[in-house]
PDB file of N, CA and C in Angstrom:
ATOM      1  N   SER A   1       0.817  -1.200   0.000  1.00  0.00           N
ATOM      2  CA  SER A   1       0.000   0.000   0.000  1.00  0.00           C
ATOM      3  C   SER A   1       0.858   1.259   0.000  1.00  0.00           C
ATOM      4  N   GLN A   2       2.067   1.192   0.560  1.00  0.00           N
ATOM      5  CA  GLN A   2       2.954   2.356   0.533  1.00  0.00           C
ATOM      6  C   GLN A   2       3.392   2.661  -0.894  1.00  0.00           C
ATOM      7  N   ILE A   3       3.596   1.613  -1.684  1.00  0.00           N
ATOM      8  CA  ILE A   3       3.980   1.808  -3.085  1.00  0.00           C
ATOM      9  C   ILE A   3       2.849   2.483  -3.837  1.00  0.00           C
ATOM     10  N   CYS A   4       1.632   1.994  -3.649  1.00  0.00           N
ATOM     11  CA  CYS A   4       0.467   2.576  -4.326  1.00  0.00           C
ATOM     12  C   CYS A   4       0.288   4.033  -3.928  1.00  0.00           C
ATOM     13  N   THR A   5       0.463   4.330  -2.659  1.00  0.00           N
ATOM     14  CA  THR A   5       0.321   5.701  -2.181  1.00  0.00           C
ATOM     15  C   THR A   5       1.394   6.595  -2.787  1.00  0.00           C
ATOM     16  N   ALA A   6       2.634   6.114  -2.812  1.00  0.00           N
ATOM     17  CA  ALA A   6       3.732   6.914  -3.349  1.00  0.00           C
ATOM     18  C   ALA A   6       3.569   7.182  -4.840  1.00  0.00           C
ATOM     19  N   LEU A   7       3.020   6.207  -5.572  1.00  0.00           N
ATOM     20  CA  LEU A   7       2.851   6.351  -7.021  1.00  0.00           C
ATOM     21  C   LEU A   7       1.497   6.927  -7.404  1.00  0.00           C
ATOM     22  N   HIS A   8       0.631   7.143  -6.414  1.00  0.00           N
ATOM     23  CA  HIS A   8      -0.729   7.646  -6.658  1.00  0.00           C
ATOM     24  C   HIS A   8      -1.476   6.743  -7.632  1.00  0.00           C
ATOM     25  N   ILE A   9      -1.431   5.425  -7.378  1.00  0.00           N
ATOM     26  CA  ILE A   9      -2.140   4.462  -8.216  1.00  0.00           C
ATOM     27  C   ILE A   9      -3.015   3.587  -7.322  1.00  0.00           C
ATOM     28  N   SER A  10      -3.947   2.891  -7.949  1.00  0.00           N
ATOM     29  CA  SER A  10      -4.826   2.001  -7.186  1.00  0.00           C
ATOM     30  C   SER A  10      -4.144   0.651  -6.978  1.00  0.00           C
ATOM     31  N   GLY A  11      -4.667  -0.107  -6.034  1.00  0.00           N
ATOM     32  CA  GLY A  11      -4.139  -1.445  -5.778  1.00  0.00           C
ATOM     33  C   GLY A  11      -4.313  -2.360  -6.969  1.00  0.00           C
ATOM     34  N   SER A  12      -5.424  -2.205  -7.689  1.00  0.00           N
ATOM     35  CA  SER A  12      -5.649  -3.054  -8.868  1.00  0.00           C
ATOM     36  C   SER A  12      -4.657  -2.725  -9.977  1.00  0.00           C
ATOM     37  N   GLN A  13      -4.299  -1.443 -10.140  1.00  0.00           N
ATOM     38  CA  GLN A  13      -3.304  -1.071 -11.150  1.00  0.00           C
ATOM     39  C   GLN A  13      -1.953  -1.675 -10.796  1.00  0.00           C
ATOM     40  N   PHE A  14      -1.584  -1.621  -9.513  1.00  0.00           N
ATOM     41  CA  PHE A  14      -0.317  -2.199  -9.077  1.00  0.00           C
ATOM     42  C   PHE A  14      -0.302  -3.704  -9.329  1.00  0.00           C
ATOM     43  N   LYS A  15      -1.418  -4.377  -9.047  1.00  0.00           N
ATOM     44  CA  LYS A  15      -1.523  -5.820  -9.276  1.00  0.00           C
ATOM     45  C   LYS A  15      -1.356  -6.144 -10.759  1.00  0.00           C
ATOM     46  N   GLN A  16      -1.968  -5.337 -11.633  1.00  0.00           N
ATOM     47  CA  GLN A  16      -1.825  -5.551 -13.074  1.00  0.00           C
ATOM     48  C   GLN A  16      -0.378  -5.395 -13.507  1.00  0.00           C
ATOM     49  N   TRP A  17       0.323  -4.393 -12.962  1.00  0.00           N
ATOM     50  CA  TRP A  17       1.730  -4.197 -13.304  1.00  0.00           C
ATOM     51  C   TRP A  17       2.569  -5.387 -12.852  1.00  0.00           C
ATOM     52  N   CYS A  18       2.294  -5.896 -11.649  1.00  0.00           N
ATOM     53  CA  CYS A  18       3.040  -7.051 -11.140  1.00  0.00           C
ATOM     54  C   CYS A  18       2.814  -8.271 -12.024  1.00  0.00           C
ATOM     55  N   GLN A  19       1.572  -8.489 -12.420  1.00  0.00           N
ATOM     56  CA  GLN A  19       1.266  -9.624 -13.288  1.00  0.00           C
ATOM     57  C   GLN A  19       1.941  -9.464 -14.646  1.00  0.00           C
ATOM     58  N   ALA A  20       1.959  -8.263 -15.171  1.00  0.00           N
ATOM     59  CA  ALA A  20       2.588  -8.018 -16.470  1.00  0.00           C
ATOM     60  C   ALA A  20       4.097  -8.228 -16.395  1.00  0.00           C
ATOM     61  N   SER A  21       4.717  -7.828 -15.284  1.00  0.00           N
ATOM     62  CA  SER A  21       6.167  -7.982 -15.165  1.00  0.00           C
ATOM     63  C   SER A  21       6.563  -9.439 -14.962  1.00  0.00           C
ATOM     64  N   ASN A  22       5.655 -10.265 -14.438  1.00  0.00           N
ATOM     65  CA  ASN A  22       5.934 -11.682 -14.237  1.00  0.00           C
ATOM     66  C   ASN A  22       5.527 -12.526 -15.435  1.00  0.00           C
ATOM     67  N   SER A  23       5.004 -11.886 -16.450  1.00  0.00           N
ATOM     68  CA  SER A  23       4.532 -12.599 -17.632  1.00  0.00           C
ATOM     69  C   SER A  23       5.704 -13.227 -18.375  1.00  0.00           C
ATOM     70  N   THR A  24       5.466 -14.400 -18.953  1.00  0.00           N
ATOM     71  CA  THR A  24       6.506 -15.076 -19.734  1.00  0.00           C
ATOM     72  C   THR A  24       6.390 -14.738 -21.211  1.00  0.00           C
ATOM     73  N   ASP A  25       5.454 -13.850 -21.553  1.00  0.00           N
ATOM     74  CA  ASP A  25       5.306 -13.448 -22.948  1.00  0.00           C
ATOM     75  C   ASP A  25       6.571 -12.746 -23.421  1.00  0.00           C
ATOM     76  N   VAL A  26       6.862 -12.927 -24.703  1.00  0.00           N
ATOM     77  CA  VAL A  26       8.023 -12.273 -25.291  1.00  0.00           C
ATOM     78  C   VAL A  26       7.697 -10.789 -25.461  1.00  0.00           C
ATOM     79  N   MET A  27       8.601  -9.951 -24.995  1.00  0.00           N
ATOM     80  CA  MET A  27       8.395  -8.517 -25.110  1.00  0.00           C
ATOM     81  C   MET A  27       8.580  -8.080 -26.560  1.00  0.00           C
ATOM     82  N   ALA A  28       7.829  -7.065 -26.936  1.00  0.00           N
ATOM     83  CA  ALA A  28       7.954  -6.514 -28.285  1.00  0.00           C
ATOM     84  C   ALA A  28       9.306  -5.831 -28.424  1.00  0.00           C
ATOM     85  N   ASP A  29       9.782  -5.777 -29.654  1.00  0.00           N
ATOM     86  CA  ASP A  29      11.042  -5.093 -29.918  1.00  0.00           C
ATOM     87  C   ASP A  29      10.906  -3.608 -29.616  1.00  0.00           C
ATOM     88  N   PHE A  30      12.022  -3.000 -29.307  1.00  0.00           N
ATOM     89  CA  PHE A  30      12.051  -1.565 -29.055  1.00  0.00           C
ATOM     90  C   PHE A  30      11.741  -0.832 -30.346  1.00  0.00           C
ATOM     91  N   ILE A  31      10.850   0.125 -30.274  1.00  0.00           N
ATOM     92  CA  ILE A  31      10.488   0.911 -31.449  1.00  0.00           C
ATOM     93  C   ILE A  31      11.096   2.293 -31.288  1.00  0.00           C
ATOM     94  N   GLU A  32      12.028   2.608 -32.153  1.00  0.00           N
ATOM     95  CA  GLU A  32      12.695   3.905 -32.077  1.00  0.00           C
ATOM     96  C   GLU A  32      11.824   4.962 -32.733  1.00  0.00           C
ATOM     97  N   LEU A  33      11.636   6.060 -32.036  1.00  0.00           N
ATOM     98  CA  LEU A  33      10.856   7.157 -32.581  1.00  0.00           C
ATOM     99  C   LEU A  33      11.759   8.070 -33.397  1.00  0.00           C
ATOM    100  N   PRO A  34      11.222   8.656 -34.442  1.00  0.00           N
ATOM    101  CA  PRO A  34      12.052   9.570 -35.240  1.00  0.00           C
ATOM    102  C   PRO A  34      12.433  10.791 -34.410  1.00  0.00           C
ATOM    103  N   SER A  35      13.617  11.311 -34.661  1.00  0.00           N
ATOM    104  CA  SER A  35      14.044  12.488 -33.915  1.00  0.00           C
ATOM    105  C   SER A  35      13.271  13.702 -34.404  1.00  0.00           C
ATOM    106  N   SER A  36      12.993  14.561 -33.492  1.00  0.00           N
ATOM    107  CA  SER A  36      12.217  15.751 -33.809  1.00  0.00           C
ATOM    108  C   SER A  36      13.153  16.890 -34.164  1.00  0.00           C
ATOM    109  N   SER A  37      12.810  17.609 -35.209  1.00  0.00           N
ATOM    110  CA  SER A  37      13.616  18.766 -35.585  1.00  0.00           C
ATOM    111  C   SER A  37      13.158  20.013 -34.838  1.00  0.00           C
ATOM    112  N   GLU A  38      12.080  19.855 -34.066  1.00  0.00           N
ATOM    113  CA  GLU A  38      11.553  20.983 -33.304  1.00  0.00           C
ATOM    114  C   GLU A  38      12.484  21.299 -32.144  1.00  0.00           C
ATOM    115  N   VAL A  39      12.821  22.546 -32.004  1.00  0.00           N
ATOM    116  CA  VAL A  39      13.685  22.989 -30.918  1.00  0.00           C
ATOM    117  C   VAL A  39      12.805  23.407 -29.745  1.00  0.00           C
ATOM    118  N   ILE A  40      13.084  22.839 -28.591  1.00  0.00           N
ATOM    119  CA  ILE A  40      12.329  23.189 -27.392  1.00  0.00           C
ATOM    120  C   ILE A  40      13.071  24.303 -26.670  1.00  0.00           C
ATOM    121  N   VAL A  41      12.422  25.433 -26.553  1.00  0.00           N
ATOM    122  CA  VAL A  41      13.030  26.584 -25.901  1.00  0.00           C
ATOM    123  C   VAL A  41      12.512  26.657 -24.469  1.00  0.00           C
ATOM    124  N   PRO A  42      13.399  26.503 -23.486  1.00  0.00           N
ATOM    125  CA  PRO A  42      12.940  26.556 -22.097  1.00  0.00           C
ATOM    126  C   PRO A  42      12.597  27.979 -21.676  1.00  0.00           C
ATOM    127  N   ASN A  43      11.824  28.070 -20.619  1.00  0.00           N
ATOM    128  CA  ASN A  43      11.498  29.348 -19.991  1.00  0.00           C
ATOM    129  C   ASN A  43      10.801  30.332 -20.919  1.00  0.00           C
ATOM    130  N   LEU A  44       9.762  29.864 -21.600  1.00  0.00           N
ATOM    131  CA  LEU A  44       8.976  30.755 -22.435  1.00  0.00           C
ATOM    132  C   LEU A  44       8.006  31.544 -21.566  1.00  0.00           C
ATOM    133  N   ALA A  45       7.831  32.804 -21.914  1.00  0.00           N
ATOM    134  CA  ALA A  45       6.857  33.617 -21.193  1.00  0.00           C
ATOM    135  C   ALA A  45       5.465  33.192 -21.638  1.00  0.00           C
ATOM    136  N   VAL A  46       4.636  32.812 -20.684  1.00  0.00           N
ATOM    137  CA  VAL A  46       3.298  32.330 -21.005  1.00  0.00           C
ATOM    138  C   VAL A  46       2.284  32.928 -20.039  1.00  0.00           C
ATOM    139  N   LYS A  47       1.034  32.781 -20.422  1.00  0.00           N
ATOM    140  CA  LYS A  47      -0.085  33.120 -19.541  1.00  0.00           C
ATOM    141  C   LYS A  47      -0.905  31.852 -19.427  1.00  0.00           C
ATOM    142  N   LEU A  48      -0.999  31.300 -18.222  1.00  0.00           N
ATOM    143  CA  LEU A  48      -1.691  30.044 -17.986  1.00  0.00           C
ATOM    144  C   LEU A  48      -2.860  30.297 -17.050  1.00  0.00           C
ATOM    145  N   GLU A  49      -4.057  29.901 -17.492  1.00  0.00           N
ATOM    146  CA  GLU A  49      -5.252  30.054 -16.668  1.00  0.00           C
ATOM    147  C   GLU A  49      -5.899  28.693 -16.503  1.00  0.00           C
ATOM    148  N   LEU A  50      -6.108  28.267 -15.263  1.00  0.00           N
ATOM    149  CA  LEU A  50      -6.760  26.997 -14.966  1.00  0.00           C
ATOM    150  C   LEU A  50      -8.068  27.284 -14.249  1.00  0.00           C
ATOM    151  N   ASN A  51      -9.150  26.732 -14.779  1.00  0.00           N
ATOM    152  CA  ASN A  51     -10.459  26.850 -14.148  1.00  0.00           C
ATOM    153  C   ASN A  51     -10.818  25.482 -13.597  1.00  0.00           C
ATOM    154  N   LEU A  52     -10.764  25.335 -12.277  1.00  0.00           N
ATOM    155  CA  LEU A  52     -10.979  24.050 -11.634  1.00  0.00           C
ATOM    156  C   LEU A  52     -12.466  23.757 -11.481  1.00  0.00           C
ATOM    157  N   SER A  53     -12.794  22.483 -11.381  1.00  0.00           N
ATOM    158  CA  SER A  53     -14.192  22.059 -11.301  1.00  0.00           C
ATOM    159  C   SER A  53     -14.896  22.562 -10.041  1.00  0.00           C
ATOM    160  N   ASN A  54     -14.128  22.888  -9.005  1.00  0.00           N
ATOM    161  CA  ASN A  54     -14.744  23.392  -7.771  1.00  0.00           C
ATOM    162  C   ASN A  54     -14.986  24.901  -7.819  1.00  0.00           C
ATOM    163  N   GLY A  55     -14.697  25.518  -8.959  1.00  0.00           N
ATOM    164  CA  GLY A  55     -14.930  26.949  -9.119  1.00  0.00           C
ATOM    165  C   GLY A  55     -13.703  27.809  -8.897  1.00  0.00           C
ATOM    166  N   ASP A  56     -12.636  27.237  -8.352  1.00  0.00           N
ATOM    167  CA  ASP A  56     -11.407  27.999  -8.146  1.00  0.00           C
ATOM    168  C   ASP A  56     -10.720  28.254  -9.485  1.00  0.00           C
ATOM    169  N   ASN A  57      -9.986  29.355  -9.553  1.00  0.00           N
ATOM    170  CA  ASN A  57      -9.230  29.701 -10.752  1.00  0.00           C
ATOM    171  C   ASN A  57      -7.781  29.938 -10.372  1.00  0.00           C
ATOM    172  N   ILE A  58      -6.879  29.510 -11.226  1.00  0.00           N
ATOM    173  CA  ILE A  58      -5.451  29.734 -11.022  1.00  0.00           C
ATOM    174  C   ILE A  58      -4.937  30.482 -12.245  1.00  0.00           C
ATOM    175  N   HIS A  59      -4.270  31.612 -12.019  1.00  0.00           N
ATOM    176  CA  HIS A  59      -3.710  32.410 -13.102  1.00  0.00           C
ATOM    177  C   HIS A  59      -2.203  32.509 -12.880  1.00  0.00           C
ATOM    178  N   ILE A  60      -1.425  32.106 -13.874  1.00  0.00           N
ATOM    179  CA  ILE A  60       0.031  32.147 -13.777  1.00  0.00           C
ATOM    180  C   ILE A  60       0.551  32.900 -14.996  1.00  0.00           C
ATOM    181  N   HIS A  61       1.403  33.882 -14.756  1.00  0.00           N
ATOM    182  CA  HIS A  61       1.978  34.676 -15.837  1.00  0.00           C
ATOM    183  C   HIS A  61       3.494  34.674 -15.687  1.00  0.00           C
ATOM    184  N   GLY A  62       4.215  34.614 -16.789  1.00  0.00           N
ATOM    185  CA  GLY A  62       5.668  34.720 -16.735  1.00  0.00           C
ATOM    186  C   GLY A  62       6.353  33.541 -17.388  1.00  0.00           C
ATOM    187  N   GLU A  63       7.591  33.337 -16.996  1.00  0.00           N
ATOM    188  CA  GLU A  63       8.398  32.269 -17.572  1.00  0.00           C
ATOM    189  C   GLU A  63       8.201  30.986 -16.776  1.00  0.00           C
ATOM    190  N   LEU A  64       7.890  29.901 -17.474  1.00  0.00           N
ATOM    191  CA  LEU A  64       7.684  28.604 -16.842  1.00  0.00           C
ATOM    192  C   LEU A  64       8.700  27.616 -17.394  1.00  0.00           C
ATOM    193  N   ASP A  65       9.293  26.818 -16.514  1.00  0.00           N
ATOM    194  CA  ASP A  65      10.177  25.758 -16.983  1.00  0.00           C
ATOM    195  C   ASP A  65       9.499  24.405 -16.779  1.00  0.00           C
ATOM    196  N   THR A  66      10.098  23.372 -17.318  1.00  0.00           N
ATOM    197  CA  THR A  66       9.528  22.032 -17.262  1.00  0.00           C
ATOM    198  C   THR A  66       9.343  21.566 -15.826  1.00  0.00           C
ATOM    199  N   HIS A  67      10.291  21.851 -14.961  1.00  0.00           N
ATOM    200  CA  HIS A  67      10.201  21.429 -13.558  1.00  0.00           C
ATOM    201  C   HIS A  67       8.969  22.038 -12.889  1.00  0.00           C
ATOM    202  N   PHE A  68       8.730  23.321 -13.124  1.00  0.00           N
ATOM    203  CA  PHE A  68       7.572  23.978 -12.524  1.00  0.00           C
ATOM    204  C   PHE A  68       6.276  23.358 -13.029  1.00  0.00           C
ATOM    205  N   ILE A  69       6.187  23.108 -14.328  1.00  0.00           N
ATOM    206  CA  ILE A  69       4.972  22.532 -14.907  1.00  0.00           C
ATOM    207  C   ILE A  69       4.719  21.138 -14.337  1.00  0.00           C
ATOM    208  N   CYS A  70       5.763  20.319 -14.217  1.00  0.00           N
ATOM    209  CA  CYS A  70       5.610  18.970 -13.653  1.00  0.00           C
ATOM    210  C   CYS A  70       5.175  19.037 -12.191  1.00  0.00           C
ATOM    211  N   THR A  71       5.732  19.966 -11.433  1.00  0.00           N
ATOM    212  CA  THR A  71       5.342  20.136 -10.037  1.00  0.00           C
ATOM    213  C   THR A  71       3.887  20.566  -9.936  1.00  0.00           C
ATOM    214  N   LEU A  72       3.470  21.467 -10.807  1.00  0.00           N
ATOM    215  CA  LEU A  72       2.088  21.935 -10.815  1.00  0.00           C
ATOM    216  C   LEU A  72       1.126  20.800 -11.141  1.00  0.00           C
ATOM    217  N   ILE A  73       1.457  20.002 -12.137  1.00  0.00           N
ATOM    218  CA  ILE A  73       0.604  18.867 -12.510  1.00  0.00           C
ATOM    219  C   ILE A  73       0.513  17.875 -11.359  1.00  0.00           C
ATOM    220  N   GLY A  74       1.635  17.593 -10.707  1.00  0.00           N
ATOM    221  CA  GLY A  74       1.628  16.683  -9.562  1.00  0.00           C
ATOM    222  C   GLY A  74       0.746  17.196  -8.438  1.00  0.00           C
ATOM    223  N   ALA A  75       0.785  18.501  -8.192  1.00  0.00           N
ATOM    224  CA  ALA A  75      -0.047  19.080  -7.137  1.00  0.00           C
ATOM    225  C   ALA A  75      -1.519  19.016  -7.505  1.00  0.00           C
ATOM    226  N   LEU A  76      -1.831  19.208  -8.766  1.00  0.00           N
ATOM    227  CA  LEU A  76      -3.226  19.153  -9.196  1.00  0.00           C
ATOM    228  C   LEU A  76      -3.781  17.738  -9.123  1.00  0.00           C
ATOM    229  N   LYS A  77      -2.927  16.734  -9.315  1.00  0.00           N
ATOM    230  CA  LYS A  77      -3.378  15.339  -9.272  1.00  0.00           C
ATOM    231  C   LYS A  77      -3.695  14.886  -7.855  1.00  0.00           C
ATOM    232  N   SER A  78      -3.061  15.508  -6.860  1.00  0.00           N
ATOM    233  CA  SER A  78      -3.257  15.047  -5.479  1.00  0.00           C
ATOM    234  C   SER A  78      -4.453  15.686  -4.820  1.00  0.00           C
TER     235      SER A  78
END
C-alpha cells in the first residue's frame, strides 16, 4: 500500500503491473521514434489560466520551466 500511495495508483493497477512484469510473454522489440527537428526553448513567457471544477481559478503569468509545470501537474493530481 505504501507503493500505491507513493505512485498515486490504485491497488488493482499495481496488481496488473506485477502480473505483467511476471509474464513469460516475449516482449515486443524496441520501437525507435524519429528524432524531432523541433527545438524546445525553455522558460517561455506564457499566460496560464486553470479553471478548476470546484470553481477555483489559477492564473500564472511569466516564464515557466519544465520542472515547474511537472510540479504543478503533480499538485493538481493530489
